[in-house]
């Protein structure tokens, strides 16, 4: 699967809109919007991480599960792209 940063950002934003039951967020959020301000709490974050792992065939290690790694859709996207790059090297 060939993915780019903007596609991942949109995926994350769409999932946040779904998880928070606030469809308007799909239009209001951008890659740098703090997800916590959008209503993403720890429970929703775990659900979001599971969807990301499934969608992009990655796995988050325990030491990566820090809120700052999931603060914005752009940060999430950058981490996904980095993890996928490492996987293709193996």
C-alpha atoms as a PDB file:
ATOM      1  CA  UNK A   1       0.000   0.000   0.000  1.00  0.00           C
ATOM      2  CA  UNK A   2       1.497   3.313  -1.091  1.00  0.00           C
ATOM      3  CA  UNK A   3       0.556   6.056   1.358  1.00  0.00           C
ATOM      4  CA  UNK A   4       1.540   9.670   1.794  1.00  0.00           C
ATOM      5  CA  UNK A   5       1.383  12.060   4.704  1.00  0.00           C
ATOM      6  CA  UNK A   6      -1.779  13.860   3.573  1.00  0.00           C
ATOM      7  CA  UNK A   7      -3.695  10.578   3.121  1.00  0.00           C
ATOM      8  CA  UNK A   8      -2.748   9.483   6.633  1.00  0.00           C
ATOM      9  CA  UNK A   9      -3.651  12.857   8.114  1.00  0.00           C
ATOM     10  CA  UNK A  10      -7.077  12.652   6.487  1.00  0.00           C
ATOM     11  CA  UNK A  11      -7.548   9.071   7.731  1.00  0.00           C
ATOM     12  CA  UNK A  12      -6.709  10.156  11.300  1.00  0.00           C
ATOM     13  CA  UNK A  13      -9.015  13.188  11.117  1.00  0.00           C
ATOM     14  CA  UNK A  14     -11.865  11.075   9.732  1.00  0.00           C
ATOM     15  CA  UNK A  15     -11.394   8.487  12.496  1.00  0.00           C
ATOM     16  CA  UNK A  16     -11.363  11.217  15.160  1.00  0.00           C
ATOM     17  CA  UNK A  17     -14.615  12.622  13.748  1.00  0.00           C
ATOM     18  CA  UNK A  18     -16.143   9.120  13.888  1.00  0.00           C
ATOM     19  CA  UNK A  19     -14.835   8.236  17.347  1.00  0.00           C
ATOM     20  CA  UNK A  20     -16.016  11.490  18.894  1.00  0.00           C
ATOM     21  CA  UNK A  21     -19.378  11.316  17.066  1.00  0.00           C
ATOM     22  CA  UNK A  22     -18.660  14.814  15.754  1.00  0.00           C
ATOM     23  CA  UNK A  23     -18.726  14.596  11.936  1.00  0.00           C
ATOM     24  CA  UNK A  24     -18.077  18.323  11.631  1.00  0.00           C
ATOM     25  CA  UNK A  25     -14.521  17.704  12.840  1.00  0.00           C
ATOM     26  CA  UNK A  26     -13.702  16.111   9.481  1.00  0.00           C
ATOM     27  CA  UNK A  27     -13.892  19.626   8.020  1.00  0.00           C
ATOM     28  CA  UNK A  28     -12.683  21.622  11.023  1.00  0.00           C
ATOM     29  CA  UNK A  29      -9.478  19.781  11.931  1.00  0.00           C
ATOM     30  CA  UNK A  30      -6.192  20.003  10.108  1.00  0.00           C
ATOM     31  CA  UNK A  31      -2.928  18.118  10.520  1.00  0.00           C
ATOM     32  CA  UNK A  32      -1.727  20.424  13.276  1.00  0.00           C
ATOM     33  CA  UNK A  33      -4.932  20.611  15.334  1.00  0.00           C
ATOM     34  CA  UNK A  34      -4.431  19.237  18.861  1.00  0.00           C
ATOM     35  CA  UNK A  35      -6.475  16.036  19.038  1.00  0.00           C
ATOM     36  CA  UNK A  36      -7.008  16.491  22.767  1.00  0.00           C
ATOM     37  CA  UNK A  37      -8.860  19.747  22.017  1.00  0.00           C
ATOM     38  CA  UNK A  38     -11.112  17.770  19.652  1.00  0.00           C
ATOM     39  CA  UNK A  39     -12.193  15.520  22.516  1.00  0.00           C
ATOM     40  CA  UNK A  40      -9.770  12.625  22.088  1.00  0.00           C
ATOM     41  CA  UNK A  41      -9.239  11.167  25.550  1.00  0.00           C
ATOM     42  CA  UNK A  42      -7.174   8.110  26.507  1.00  0.00           C
ATOM     43  CA  UNK A  43      -9.978   5.654  25.682  1.00  0.00           C
ATOM     44  CA  UNK A  44     -10.558   7.137  22.236  1.00  0.00           C
ATOM     45  CA  UNK A  45      -6.812   7.269  21.671  1.00  0.00           C
ATOM     46  CA  UNK A  46      -6.484   3.520  22.252  1.00  0.00           C
ATOM     47  CA  UNK A  47      -9.306   2.904  19.784  1.00  0.00           C
ATOM     48  CA  UNK A  48      -7.657   5.237  17.264  1.00  0.00           C
ATOM     49  CA  UNK A  49      -4.308   3.456  17.661  1.00  0.00           C
ATOM     50  CA  UNK A  50      -5.931   0.078  17.003  1.00  0.00           C
ATOM     51  CA  UNK A  51      -7.552   1.396  13.830  1.00  0.00           C
ATOM     52  CA  UNK A  52      -4.230   2.877  12.678  1.00  0.00           C
ATOM     53  CA  UNK A  53      -2.379  -0.378  13.351  1.00  0.00           C
ATOM     54  CA  UNK A  54      -4.930  -2.305  11.333  1.00  0.00           C
ATOM     55  CA  UNK A  55      -5.156   0.189   8.461  1.00  0.00           C
ATOM     56  CA  UNK A  56      -1.401   0.675   8.015  1.00  0.00           C
ATOM     57  CA  UNK A  57      -0.179  -2.760   9.153  1.00  0.00           C
ATOM     58  CA  UNK A  58       2.070  -1.399  11.869  1.00  0.00           C
ATOM     59  CA  UNK A  59       2.456  -2.129  15.573  1.00  0.00           C
ATOM     60  CA  UNK A  60       3.060   0.399  18.327  1.00  0.00           C
ATOM     61  CA  UNK A  61       5.572  -0.688  20.958  1.00  0.00           C
ATOM     62  CA  UNK A  62       4.749   0.061  24.591  1.00  0.00           C
ATOM     63  CA  UNK A  63       7.426   2.778  24.796  1.00  0.00           C
ATOM     64  CA  UNK A  64       5.776   4.613  21.885  1.00  0.00           C
ATOM     65  CA  UNK A  65       2.417   4.910  23.623  1.00  0.00           C
ATOM     66  CA  UNK A  66       2.984   8.440  24.833  1.00  0.00           C
ATOM     67  CA  UNK A  67       0.383  11.145  24.428  1.00  0.00           C
ATOM     68  CA  UNK A  68       2.892  13.484  22.766  1.00  0.00           C
ATOM     69  CA  UNK A  69       3.317  10.926  19.956  1.00  0.00           C
ATOM     70  CA  UNK A  70      -0.404  11.253  19.221  1.00  0.00           C
ATOM     71  CA  UNK A  71      -0.899  14.965  19.814  1.00  0.00           C
ATOM     72  CA  UNK A  72      -1.776  15.854  16.203  1.00  0.00           C
ATOM     73  CA  UNK A  73      -2.664  14.022  13.011  1.00  0.00           C
ATOM     74  CA  UNK A  74       0.620  15.217  11.474  1.00  0.00           C
ATOM     75  CA  UNK A  75       2.697  13.724  14.299  1.00  0.00           C
ATOM     76  CA  UNK A  76       0.805  10.453  13.945  1.00  0.00           C
ATOM     77  CA  UNK A  77       1.351  10.509  10.184  1.00  0.00           C
ATOM     78  CA  UNK A  78       5.084  11.098  10.526  1.00  0.00           C
ATOM     79  CA  UNK A  79       5.420   8.204  12.960  1.00  0.00           C
ATOM     80  CA  UNK A  80       3.421   5.879  10.685  1.00  0.00           C
ATOM     81  CA  UNK A  81       5.585   6.765   7.690  1.00  0.00           C
ATOM     82  CA  UNK A  82       8.753   6.203   9.731  1.00  0.00           C
ATOM     83  CA  UNK A  83       7.516   2.823  10.988  1.00  0.00           C
ATOM     84  CA  UNK A  84       6.525   1.742   7.468  1.00  0.00           C
ATOM     85  CA  UNK A  85       9.944   2.796   6.121  1.00  0.00           C
ATOM     86  CA  UNK A  86      11.662   0.616   8.719  1.00  0.00           C
ATOM     87  CA  UNK A  87       9.384  -2.318   7.855  1.00  0.00           C
ATOM     88  CA  UNK A  88      10.279  -2.108   4.161  1.00  0.00           C
ATOM     89  CA  UNK A  89      13.986  -2.180   5.030  1.00  0.00           C
ATOM     90  CA  UNK A  90      13.615  -5.528   6.803  1.00  0.00           C
END
